[in-house]
Amino acid sequence: MFLFAFAHLGKADDTRYIFAKVSVLCEGLPVETMPAFNEASCRNATSYEVDPQGRTVWAKATITMPAKALSAGKPLGLFISGKAASRFYLNGVFLGANGTPGGSPETETPGVIDTVLPIPEGMLKADQNELVMVMSAHGGFLMLRHPISVLAVGPFANPTGIALNNYLPSIPAFGILLIGTFFFGLLAFRHAGTPHRWLLPLAALFATLQMAAEFSRGLIAYGYPFHDVRLILIILFALGSGVCLLFHVVGRFTHSRRIDVMLGGMGLTIAMAVAATGYDDKAAFAIMTPAAIGALISMVAAFRKQKHAMAYAAALAACAIGIYATTSDFLDVYFYYLVAALLAFLLAQQIAAFSAVREKQQEGEARTAALEEALQHAKKPQAPRTLLVRHAGRVEAIPLDQIIYCKGARDYVELHTTSGKTTLYSGSLAELEGELPETFLKVHRSYIVNRAAIKELTREASGTGVITFRNGATAPVSRRNMPSVRKALTA
């Protein structure tokens, strides 16, 4: 897994970094004695074939140094990056060691994953230089395809710092992920509901932890056995982020067989990550697969006219395509910006969704409060409404529920009440009609009746009608008003 982007080392300096070219590899020989490299266990090999995992190997390599590099006057060093304890000899002279190689786990002292050995002035010569090394890697539990990723001579520098410099372009994305984790968590905490609301905070948290695990190589010069742990953490955090993202999309846009879709998507994601050969590819598929599945689910939801589904489909598809297109540099830079951009989009969607839910809650709360107020008001005893009738020198308040009917007579109206008393209202029937509530009906050009006092309505053969009140009194109903009166009484 070539995460230590050594090719970036020369960008800030004109001096070339010269990679050692392995020519002979010997396996199974004791670490104490340098071989002649013509033994039966020796064979021609390339640098990519140097694999000390679970064994001891001797290798002979050539470093071709241009005179310009030697005359630059800068201190040089031998950079080693990989899973091994190692010892080096340059032009037949012991150069240094990274840990202590051994024939067994008990006799080996693990080396650090990235280190540099200073090369004394005069030890290197122009043109051909012979580098002999012995390596072992009995620690760790993963078998990497290329456990030794860097073996080169260049200007002396701290390799851990160089690794950190390669990660610096991703620092803004790390900040976005960290802030996103906080805000997603705050939103989930403030909006009580189903556990589904915690999926996006967890996706952001796992992405942040994945980036922290990635950055650890530029912060700590750790022993090579921890490298396997770091790789596993990166894969697990990537899977956690991808699966949480998938579950969020499924929960939002599917309504039937939701558990089956979640389990199927998770199984496919894990299968793709396991099937990938390199660990960069494993981490890439751990995010790319859920994003692609989520894009398909969102497209189906968009076809069904579900709100926001098309925006989800576009964002998830863009993320999956972006990961596929940049897999070679995926974990160094692009992944974190792609995920940060996706989470920023999802954060905006989540805020909008929570705001919509909150608005509905507030509307419901307002309706509930209004209903409760109306119920409380209805429970209070209501004073009967009255009609004010002015007489000479006084005003009489007649309760409306006591008025049976009103009979117009030119410029005044007779108010017939349940007490049997008739009171005169000074004004026309039309004026009185404007003061009465809807419980009073005009049934004739000269009569307005209280619906609550009606006992029955009888239709005459001529098409007119007669209303009989509970006290036995009657009132005529005109042929024109008969249909509306009947409709009002049966409503």
Protein backbone atom coordinates (compact mmCIF):
# COMPACT_ATOMS: atom_id res chain seq x y z
CA MET A 1 0.00 0.00 0.00
CA PHE A 2 1.84 3.01 -1.29
CA LEU A 3 0.37 5.70 0.99
CA PHE A 4 3.71 7.39 1.56
CA ALA A 5 3.75 9.50 -1.62
CA PHE A 6 7.55 9.62 -1.93
CA ALA A 7 7.34 11.03 -5.41
CA HIS A 8 6.24 14.31 -3.83
CA LEU A 9 9.57 14.65 -2.04
CA GLY A 10 11.40 16.17 -4.97
CA LYS A 11 8.82 18.81 -5.78
CA ALA A 12 10.30 21.43 -3.47
CA ASP A 13 13.93 20.72 -4.47
CA ASP A 14 15.83 20.42 -7.72
CA THR A 15 17.86 17.44 -6.45
CA ARG A 16 16.60 14.12 -7.72
CA TYR A 17 15.80 11.30 -5.34
CA ILE A 18 17.55 8.20 -6.56
CA PHE A 19 15.73 4.90 -6.03
CA ALA A 20 17.71 1.78 -5.32
CA LYS A 21 17.26 -0.94 -7.95
CA VAL A 22 17.31 -4.43 -6.48
CA SER A 23 19.00 -7.04 -8.67
CA VAL A 24 19.48 -10.12 -6.44
CA LEU A 25 17.29 -11.49 -3.65
CA CYS A 26 18.19 -14.28 -1.19
CA GLU A 27 15.67 -15.92 1.10
CA GLY A 28 16.06 -18.06 4.21
CA LEU A 29 19.71 -17.21 4.95
CA PRO A 30 20.90 -16.28 8.46
CA VAL A 31 20.88 -12.58 9.30
CA GLU A 32 24.29 -12.62 10.93
CA THR A 33 26.42 -13.31 7.84
CA MET A 34 26.29 -11.39 4.57
CA PRO A 35 25.87 -13.85 1.67
CA ALA A 36 27.91 -13.88 -1.51
CA PHE A 37 24.61 -13.62 -3.46
CA ASN A 38 25.49 -16.71 -5.50
CA GLU A 39 23.90 -19.18 -3.10
CA ALA A 40 21.23 -21.62 -4.25
CA SER A 41 18.55 -19.63 -2.43
CA CYS A 42 19.45 -16.46 -4.34
CA ARG A 43 17.75 -15.33 -7.56
CA ASN A 44 17.47 -12.34 -9.79
CA ALA A 45 14.70 -10.00 -8.65
CA THR A 46 13.31 -6.47 -8.81
CA SER A 47 12.58 -3.97 -6.04
CA TYR A 48 8.88 -4.89 -6.09
CA GLU A 49 9.72 -8.48 -5.18
CA VAL A 50 11.41 -7.64 -1.87
CA ASP A 51 9.03 -9.16 0.67
CA PRO A 52 10.33 -9.85 4.20
CA GLN A 53 6.88 -10.63 5.67
CA GLY A 54 7.15 -13.70 7.88
CA ARG A 55 10.75 -14.42 6.84
CA THR A 56 14.28 -13.06 6.41
CA VAL A 57 15.61 -11.78 3.09
CA TRP A 58 18.93 -10.46 1.87
CA ALA A 59 18.95 -8.17 -1.15
CA LYS A 60 21.58 -6.49 -3.27
CA ALA A 61 20.75 -3.26 -5.07
CA THR A 62 22.42 -0.58 -7.15
CA ILE A 63 22.18 3.16 -6.58
CA THR A 64 23.32 5.21 -9.56
CA MET A 65 24.30 8.65 -8.25
CA PRO A 66 24.81 11.52 -10.69
CA ALA A 67 27.83 13.71 -9.95
CA LYS A 68 25.54 16.73 -9.72
CA ALA A 69 23.75 15.24 -6.70
CA LEU A 70 27.05 14.63 -4.89
CA SER A 71 28.39 18.12 -5.64
CA ALA A 72 25.26 19.89 -4.38
CA GLY A 73 26.82 19.98 -0.90
CA LYS A 74 23.62 18.88 0.87
CA PRO A 75 23.53 16.11 3.47
CA LEU A 76 22.11 12.93 2.01
CA GLY A 77 20.20 10.09 3.56
CA LEU A 78 18.85 6.66 2.72
CA PHE A 79 15.04 6.73 3.00
CA ILE A 80 13.31 3.49 3.93
CA SER A 81 9.55 3.12 4.05
CA GLY A 82 7.92 -0.24 4.66
CA LYS A 83 7.10 -3.15 6.94
CA ALA A 84 10.49 -4.40 8.06
CA ALA A 85 13.33 -4.40 10.52
CA SER A 86 16.43 -3.82 8.40
CA ARG A 87 20.20 -3.38 8.30
CA PHE A 88 22.14 -1.71 5.45
CA TYR A 89 25.65 -1.79 4.00
CA LEU A 90 26.71 0.84 1.46
CA ASN A 91 29.69 -0.01 -0.74
CA GLY A 92 30.72 -2.71 1.74
CA VAL A 93 30.53 -0.43 4.81
CA PHE A 94 27.85 -0.69 7.50
CA LEU A 95 25.49 2.29 7.10
CA GLY A 96 22.90 1.80 9.81
CA ALA A 97 19.83 -0.15 10.90
CA ASN A 98 16.11 0.35 11.37
CA GLY A 99 15.30 -1.96 14.26
CA THR A 100 17.03 -5.32 14.40
CA PRO A 101 16.24 -7.98 11.79
CA GLY A 102 15.99 -11.51 13.11
CA GLY A 103 15.19 -15.02 12.09
CA SER A 104 12.17 -15.21 14.43
CA PRO A 105 9.73 -12.86 16.18
CA GLU A 106 11.73 -13.30 19.40
CA THR A 107 15.03 -12.18 17.87
CA GLU A 108 13.60 -9.29 15.83
CA THR A 109 13.21 -5.69 17.00
CA PRO A 110 10.66 -4.03 14.70
CA GLY A 111 11.75 -0.97 12.75
CA VAL A 112 9.64 2.16 12.27
CA ILE A 113 7.46 2.42 9.20
CA ASP A 114 9.26 5.49 7.76
CA THR A 115 12.87 6.33 8.56
CA VAL A 116 16.04 7.82 7.09
CA LEU A 117 19.67 6.83 7.68
CA PRO A 118 22.24 9.62 7.32
CA ILE A 119 24.92 8.89 4.72
CA PRO A 120 28.36 10.12 5.80
CA GLU A 121 30.12 12.40 3.36
CA GLY A 122 32.38 10.48 0.98
CA MET A 123 30.58 7.14 1.37
CA LEU A 124 28.69 7.62 -1.88
CA LYS A 125 30.53 7.88 -5.18
CA ALA A 126 29.46 9.08 -8.59
CA ASP A 127 27.82 6.49 -10.81
CA GLN A 128 27.40 2.94 -9.40
CA ASN A 129 27.02 2.24 -5.65
CA GLU A 130 26.26 -1.12 -4.11
CA LEU A 131 23.60 -1.32 -1.39
CA VAL A 132 23.22 -4.58 0.54
CA MET A 133 20.43 -5.06 3.02
CA VAL A 134 18.94 -7.69 5.27
CA MET A 135 15.27 -7.47 6.28
CA SER A 136 12.74 -9.37 8.33
CA ALA A 137 9.10 -8.73 9.21
CA HIS A 138 7.77 -11.24 11.71
CA GLY A 139 5.37 -8.71 13.28
CA GLY A 140 1.93 -7.68 12.04
CA PHE A 141 -0.91 -9.81 10.72
CA LEU A 142 -1.59 -8.51 7.19
CA MET A 143 0.22 -9.66 4.06
CA LEU A 144 0.75 -6.64 1.84
CA ARG A 145 1.47 -6.94 -1.87
CA HIS A 146 4.35 -4.47 -1.68
CA PRO A 147 5.52 -4.19 1.94
CA ILE A 148 8.60 -2.12 1.00
CA SER A 149 7.36 1.00 -0.76
CA VAL A 150 10.41 3.31 -0.66
CA LEU A 151 14.16 2.66 -0.82
CA ALA A 152 15.91 5.79 -2.11
CA VAL A 153 18.71 8.30 -1.55
CA GLY A 154 17.91 11.99 -1.29
CA PRO A 155 18.47 15.19 0.71
CA PHE A 156 18.32 14.37 4.39
CA ALA A 157 14.95 15.24 5.99
CA ASN A 158 12.52 13.93 8.55
CA PRO A 159 10.36 11.35 6.70
CA THR A 160 7.49 11.72 9.17
CA GLY A 161 7.43 15.44 8.48
CA ILE A 162 7.51 14.78 4.75
CA ALA A 163 4.51 12.48 5.11
CA LEU A 164 2.69 15.17 7.08
CA ASN A 165 3.40 17.72 4.35
CA ASN A 166 1.71 15.41 1.87
CA TYR A 167 -1.41 15.43 4.05
CA LEU A 168 -1.50 19.21 4.58
CA PRO A 169 -3.73 19.87 1.52
CA SER A 170 -6.39 17.75 3.25
CA ILE A 171 -6.39 19.75 6.50
CA PRO A 172 -9.32 22.01 5.42
CA ALA A 173 -11.36 18.91 4.61
CA PHE A 174 -10.53 17.52 8.04
CA GLY A 175 -11.83 20.74 9.60
CA ILE A 176 -15.03 20.52 7.58
CA LEU A 177 -15.56 16.91 8.67
CA LEU A 178 -14.92 17.79 12.30
CA ILE A 179 -17.35 20.72 12.20
CA GLY A 180 -19.85 18.58 10.30
CA THR A 181 -19.67 15.89 12.99
CA PHE A 182 -20.43 18.50 15.66
CA PHE A 183 -23.34 20.09 13.80
CA PHE A 184 -24.88 16.77 12.73
CA GLY A 185 -24.66 15.59 16.32
CA LEU A 186 -26.18 18.83 17.61
CA LEU A 187 -29.08 18.58 15.16
CA ALA A 188 -29.71 14.96 16.09
CA PHE A 189 -29.60 15.78 19.79
CA ARG A 190 -31.98 18.74 19.50
CA HIS A 191 -34.55 16.94 17.36
CA ALA A 192 -35.85 13.95 19.24
CA GLY A 193 -37.15 11.10 17.12
CA THR A 194 -36.09 7.74 15.78
CA PRO A 195 -32.48 6.48 16.02
CA HIS A 196 -32.28 7.12 12.26
CA ARG A 197 -31.37 10.75 13.00
CA TRP A 198 -27.95 9.64 14.36
CA LEU A 199 -26.83 8.02 11.08
CA LEU A 200 -25.40 11.18 9.50
CA PRO A 201 -23.53 12.24 12.67
CA LEU A 202 -22.01 8.74 12.76
CA ALA A 203 -21.09 8.91 9.06
CA ALA A 204 -19.30 12.22 9.64
CA LEU A 205 -17.62 10.88 12.79
CA PHE A 206 -16.33 7.75 11.01
CA ALA A 207 -14.99 9.85 8.12
CA THR A 208 -13.21 12.12 10.62
CA LEU A 209 -11.71 9.14 12.43
CA GLN A 210 -10.62 7.63 9.11
CA MET A 211 -8.81 10.85 8.27
CA ALA A 212 -7.18 10.92 11.71
CA ALA A 213 -5.95 7.35 11.21
CA GLU A 214 -4.60 8.35 7.82
CA PHE A 215 -2.81 11.39 9.27
CA SER A 216 -1.20 9.35 12.05
CA ARG A 217 1.60 8.38 9.65
CA GLY A 218 2.59 12.02 9.41
CA LEU A 219 2.41 12.57 13.17
CA ILE A 220 3.98 9.49 14.77
CA ALA A 221 7.02 7.47 13.73
CA TYR A 222 5.33 4.23 14.74
CA GLY A 223 6.75 0.72 14.61
CA TYR A 224 5.82 -1.20 11.49
CA PRO A 225 3.51 -3.74 13.28
CA PHE A 226 1.11 -0.87 14.03
CA HIS A 227 0.84 -0.22 10.31
CA ASP A 228 -1.49 -3.21 9.96
CA VAL A 229 -3.68 -1.85 12.75
CA ARG A 230 -3.76 1.54 11.04
CA LEU A 231 -4.80 0.01 7.71
CA ILE A 232 -7.58 -1.99 9.35
CA LEU A 233 -8.82 1.11 11.18
CA ILE A 234 -8.91 3.06 7.91
CA ILE A 235 -10.97 0.31 6.25
CA LEU A 236 -13.33 -0.10 9.23
CA PHE A 237 -13.92 3.64 9.54
CA ALA A 238 -14.55 3.87 5.79
CA LEU A 239 -17.05 0.99 6.02
CA GLY A 240 -18.72 2.63 9.02
CA SER A 241 -19.09 5.92 7.17
CA GLY A 242 -20.33 4.27 3.99
CA VAL A 243 -22.84 1.99 5.70
CA CYS A 244 -24.27 4.85 7.81
CA LEU A 245 -24.65 6.91 4.64
CA LEU A 246 -26.42 4.01 2.93
CA PHE A 247 -28.76 3.42 5.88
CA HIS A 248 -29.64 7.14 5.93
CA VAL A 249 -30.62 7.09 2.24
CA VAL A 250 -32.59 3.85 2.63
CA GLY A 251 -34.40 5.22 5.68
CA ARG A 252 -35.32 8.40 3.85
CA PHE A 253 -36.45 7.06 0.49
CA THR A 254 -37.67 3.48 0.97
CA HIS A 255 -40.88 2.39 2.68
CA SER A 256 -41.11 -1.35 2.05
CA ARG A 257 -38.59 -4.10 2.85
CA ARG A 258 -36.30 -1.48 4.33
CA ILE A 259 -34.33 -3.95 6.45
CA ASP A 260 -33.74 -6.21 3.43
CA VAL A 261 -32.40 -3.29 1.40
CA MET A 262 -30.13 -2.19 4.25
CA LEU A 263 -28.70 -5.66 4.82
CA GLY A 264 -28.29 -6.31 1.09
CA GLY A 265 -26.51 -3.00 0.54
CA MET A 266 -24.26 -3.53 3.54
CA GLY A 267 -23.40 -7.05 2.38
CA LEU A 268 -22.52 -5.83 -1.11
CA THR A 269 -20.37 -3.03 0.34
CA ILE A 270 -18.42 -5.44 2.54
CA ALA A 271 -18.03 -7.91 -0.33
CA MET A 272 -16.63 -5.23 -2.66
CA ALA A 273 -14.20 -4.00 0.02
CA VAL A 274 -12.99 -7.53 0.74
CA ALA A 275 -12.62 -8.38 -2.97
CA ALA A 276 -10.49 -5.30 -3.71
CA THR A 277 -6.78 -6.15 -3.80
CA GLY A 278 -5.05 -3.01 -2.49
CA TYR A 279 -5.97 -1.30 0.76
CA ASP A 280 -6.45 2.02 -1.03
CA ASP A 281 -9.00 0.23 -3.22
CA LYS A 282 -10.68 -1.39 -0.21
CA ALA A 283 -11.24 1.98 1.43
CA ALA A 284 -12.40 3.45 -1.88
CA PHE A 285 -15.00 0.70 -2.43
CA ALA A 286 -16.17 1.03 1.19
CA ILE A 287 -17.43 4.52 0.30
CA MET A 288 -18.03 4.26 -3.44
CA THR A 289 -20.34 1.23 -3.22
CA PRO A 290 -22.82 2.75 -0.71
CA ALA A 291 -22.75 6.03 -2.64
CA ALA A 292 -23.62 4.21 -5.88
CA ILE A 293 -26.37 2.16 -4.22
CA GLY A 294 -27.73 5.30 -2.57
CA ALA A 295 -27.74 7.09 -5.93
CA LEU A 296 -29.82 4.26 -7.48
CA ILE A 297 -32.27 4.30 -4.56
CA SER A 298 -32.59 8.08 -4.83
CA MET A 299 -33.17 7.86 -8.60
CA VAL A 300 -36.03 5.42 -8.07
CA ALA A 301 -37.46 7.75 -5.41
CA ALA A 302 -37.12 10.71 -7.79
CA PHE A 303 -39.03 8.74 -10.44
CA ARG A 304 -41.77 8.35 -7.84
CA LYS A 305 -41.75 12.13 -7.28
CA GLN A 306 -40.36 11.98 -3.75
CA LYS A 307 -39.19 15.34 -2.47
CA HIS A 308 -35.41 16.05 -2.58
CA ALA A 309 -34.71 12.62 -4.13
CA MET A 310 -33.22 14.02 -7.35
CA ALA A 311 -30.79 16.23 -5.41
CA TYR A 312 -29.68 13.20 -3.38
CA ALA A 313 -29.24 11.14 -6.54
CA ALA A 314 -27.07 13.81 -8.18
CA ALA A 315 -24.87 14.32 -5.09
CA LEU A 316 -24.36 10.61 -4.43
CA ALA A 317 -23.67 9.82 -8.08
CA ALA A 318 -21.13 12.65 -8.27
CA CYS A 319 -19.40 11.31 -5.16
CA ALA A 320 -19.24 7.74 -6.50
CA ILE A 321 -17.96 8.87 -9.91
CA GLY A 322 -15.43 11.19 -8.29
CA ILE A 323 -14.05 8.37 -6.15
CA TYR A 324 -13.81 6.05 -9.15
CA ALA A 325 -12.02 8.67 -11.22
CA THR A 326 -9.44 9.53 -8.53
CA THR A 327 -8.72 6.17 -6.90
CA SER A 328 -4.95 6.48 -7.37
CA ASP A 329 -4.81 9.59 -5.16
CA PHE A 330 -8.01 8.76 -3.31
CA LEU A 331 -6.95 8.48 0.30
CA ASP A 332 -4.37 11.25 0.23
CA VAL A 333 -6.57 14.20 -0.79
CA TYR A 334 -9.64 13.67 -2.91
CA PHE A 335 -11.57 11.31 -0.68
CA TYR A 336 -11.81 13.76 2.17
CA TYR A 337 -12.92 16.64 -0.02
CA LEU A 338 -15.49 14.43 -1.76
CA VAL A 339 -16.88 13.21 1.55
CA ALA A 340 -16.75 16.70 3.06
CA ALA A 341 -18.68 18.09 0.08
CA LEU A 342 -21.23 15.27 0.29
CA LEU A 343 -21.70 15.76 4.03
CA ALA A 344 -22.05 19.52 3.57
CA PHE A 345 -24.87 18.82 1.10
CA LEU A 346 -26.49 16.33 3.48
CA LEU A 347 -26.15 18.80 6.35
CA ALA A 348 -28.10 21.38 4.33
CA GLN A 349 -30.74 18.75 3.51
CA GLN A 350 -30.95 17.69 7.15
CA ILE A 351 -31.36 21.27 8.34
CA ALA A 352 -34.14 21.80 5.78
CA ALA A 353 -35.85 18.54 6.81
CA PHE A 354 -35.66 19.33 10.51
CA SER A 355 -36.92 22.87 9.84
CA ALA A 356 -39.90 21.50 7.93
CA VAL A 357 -40.66 19.04 10.74
CA ARG A 358 -40.34 21.83 13.29
CA GLU A 359 -42.70 24.06 11.33
CA LYS A 360 -45.29 21.27 11.19
CA GLN A 361 -44.85 20.70 14.92
CA GLN A 362 -45.34 24.40 15.59
CA GLU A 363 -48.44 24.47 13.39
CA GLY A 364 -49.81 21.43 15.21
CA GLU A 365 -49.00 22.97 18.57
CA ALA A 366 -50.74 26.20 17.53
CA ARG A 367 -53.85 24.29 16.43
CA THR A 368 -53.84 22.29 19.65
CA ALA A 369 -53.52 25.44 21.73
CA ALA A 370 -56.36 27.10 19.82
CA LEU A 371 -58.55 24.03 20.27
CA GLU A 372 -57.80 23.85 23.97
CA GLU A 373 -58.61 27.54 24.31
CA ALA A 374 -61.88 27.02 22.47
CA LEU A 375 -62.75 24.04 24.67
CA GLN A 376 -61.97 26.01 27.80
CA HIS A 377 -64.08 28.85 26.50
CA ALA A 378 -66.92 26.44 25.70
CA LYS A 379 -66.80 25.02 29.23
CA LYS A 380 -67.38 28.45 30.74
CA PRO A 381 -71.03 29.36 31.28
CA GLN A 382 -72.02 31.87 28.60
CA ALA A 383 -74.30 34.73 29.35
CA PRO A 384 -77.27 34.69 26.94
CA ARG A 385 -77.06 37.23 24.11
CA THR A 386 -79.60 40.01 24.26
CA LEU A 387 -81.41 42.39 22.00
CA LEU A 388 -81.60 45.98 23.25
CA VAL A 389 -85.05 47.47 22.77
CA ARG A 390 -85.45 51.20 23.41
CA HIS A 391 -88.66 52.49 24.95
CA ALA A 392 -89.51 55.99 26.02
CA GLY A 393 -86.99 56.84 28.69
CA ARG A 394 -85.59 53.34 29.10
CA VAL A 395 -83.74 50.44 27.38
CA GLU A 396 -84.87 46.85 27.80
CA ALA A 397 -82.49 43.89 27.23
CA ILE A 398 -84.41 40.88 25.89
CA PRO A 399 -82.48 37.55 25.81
CA LEU A 400 -82.44 36.25 22.23
CA ASP A 401 -83.18 32.68 23.31
CA GLN A 402 -86.51 33.93 24.72
CA ILE A 403 -87.69 35.42 21.41
CA ILE A 404 -89.94 32.97 19.54
CA TYR A 405 -90.67 35.02 16.43
CA CYS A 406 -90.72 38.59 15.20
CA LYS A 407 -93.68 40.06 13.28
CA GLY A 408 -93.18 43.21 11.23
CA ALA A 409 -95.75 45.96 11.12
CA ARG A 410 -94.55 48.94 9.05
CA ASP A 411 -92.19 51.01 11.22
CA TYR A 412 -92.10 48.69 14.21
CA VAL A 413 -91.77 44.96 14.97
CA GLU A 414 -93.62 42.81 17.48
CA LEU A 415 -91.26 40.56 19.49
CA HIS A 416 -93.15 37.52 20.75
CA THR A 417 -91.34 35.85 23.69
CA THR A 418 -91.58 32.62 25.65
CA SER A 419 -93.10 34.51 28.60
CA GLY A 420 -96.14 35.33 26.46
CA LYS A 421 -95.23 39.01 26.49
CA THR A 422 -95.08 41.01 23.30
CA THR A 423 -92.53 43.80 23.07
CA LEU A 424 -92.38 46.44 20.39
CA TYR A 425 -89.08 47.07 18.56
CA SER A 426 -88.77 50.53 17.11
CA GLY A 427 -87.50 49.91 13.61
CA SER A 428 -88.17 47.95 10.43
CA LEU A 429 -87.98 44.16 10.10
CA ALA A 430 -84.98 44.58 7.77
CA GLU A 431 -83.12 46.62 10.43
CA LEU A 432 -83.88 44.01 13.07
CA GLU A 433 -82.69 41.18 10.80
CA GLY A 434 -79.21 42.77 10.72
CA GLU A 435 -78.98 42.59 14.54
CA LEU A 436 -80.09 38.98 14.91
CA PRO A 437 -77.73 35.96 14.73
CA GLU A 438 -77.94 33.17 12.14
CA THR A 439 -80.20 31.13 14.41
CA PHE A 440 -83.05 33.40 13.25
CA LEU A 441 -84.62 32.76 9.83
CA LYS A 442 -86.69 35.09 7.70
CA VAL A 443 -89.60 32.90 6.57
CA HIS A 444 -91.97 35.56 5.29
CA ARG A 445 -91.73 39.19 4.35
CA SER A 446 -93.29 39.99 7.75
CA TYR A 447 -91.88 37.16 9.91
CA ILE A 448 -88.50 36.19 11.36
CA VAL A 449 -88.46 33.06 13.52
CA ASN A 450 -86.08 31.51 16.09
CA ARG A 451 -85.10 28.05 14.78
CA ALA A 452 -84.61 26.79 18.35
CA ALA A 453 -88.29 27.48 19.13
CA ILE A 454 -89.72 25.63 16.10
CA LYS A 455 -91.69 22.44 16.74
CA GLU A 456 -92.67 21.56 13.17
CA LEU A 457 -93.04 22.84 9.61
CA THR A 458 -96.18 22.00 7.63
CA ARG A 459 -96.52 22.45 3.88
CA GLU A 460 -99.83 23.62 2.50
CA ALA A 461 -101.34 22.51 -0.81
CA SER A 462 -100.80 25.96 -2.22
CA GLY A 463 -97.00 25.65 -1.71
CA THR A 464 -96.87 27.90 1.31
CA GLY A 465 -96.15 26.58 4.78
CA VAL A 466 -96.95 27.00 8.46
CA ILE A 467 -94.46 26.86 11.33
CA THR A 468 -95.77 25.68 14.67
CA PHE A 469 -93.76 26.72 17.73
CA ARG A 470 -93.33 24.81 20.96
CA ASN A 471 -95.74 27.14 22.79
CA GLY A 472 -98.45 26.47 20.15
CA ALA A 473 -98.12 29.76 18.27
CA THR A 474 -97.82 29.71 14.47
CA ALA A 475 -96.19 31.73 11.72
CA PRO A 476 -96.70 31.62 7.94
CA VAL A 477 -93.99 30.63 5.47
CA SER A 478 -94.12 32.14 1.98
CA ARG A 479 -93.97 30.00 -1.13
CA ARG A 480 -90.67 31.69 -2.15
CA ASN A 481 -88.99 31.02 1.22
CA MET A 482 -90.33 27.50 1.66
CA PRO A 483 -87.34 25.63 0.06
CA SER A 484 -84.66 27.58 1.98
CA VAL A 485 -86.54 27.21 5.27
CA ARG A 486 -86.89 23.47 4.79
CA LYS A 487 -83.17 23.18 3.92
CA ALA A 488 -82.16 25.23 6.97
CA LEU A 489 -84.27 23.13 9.31
CA THR A 490 -82.94 19.82 7.96
CA ALA A 491 -79.24 20.89 7.87
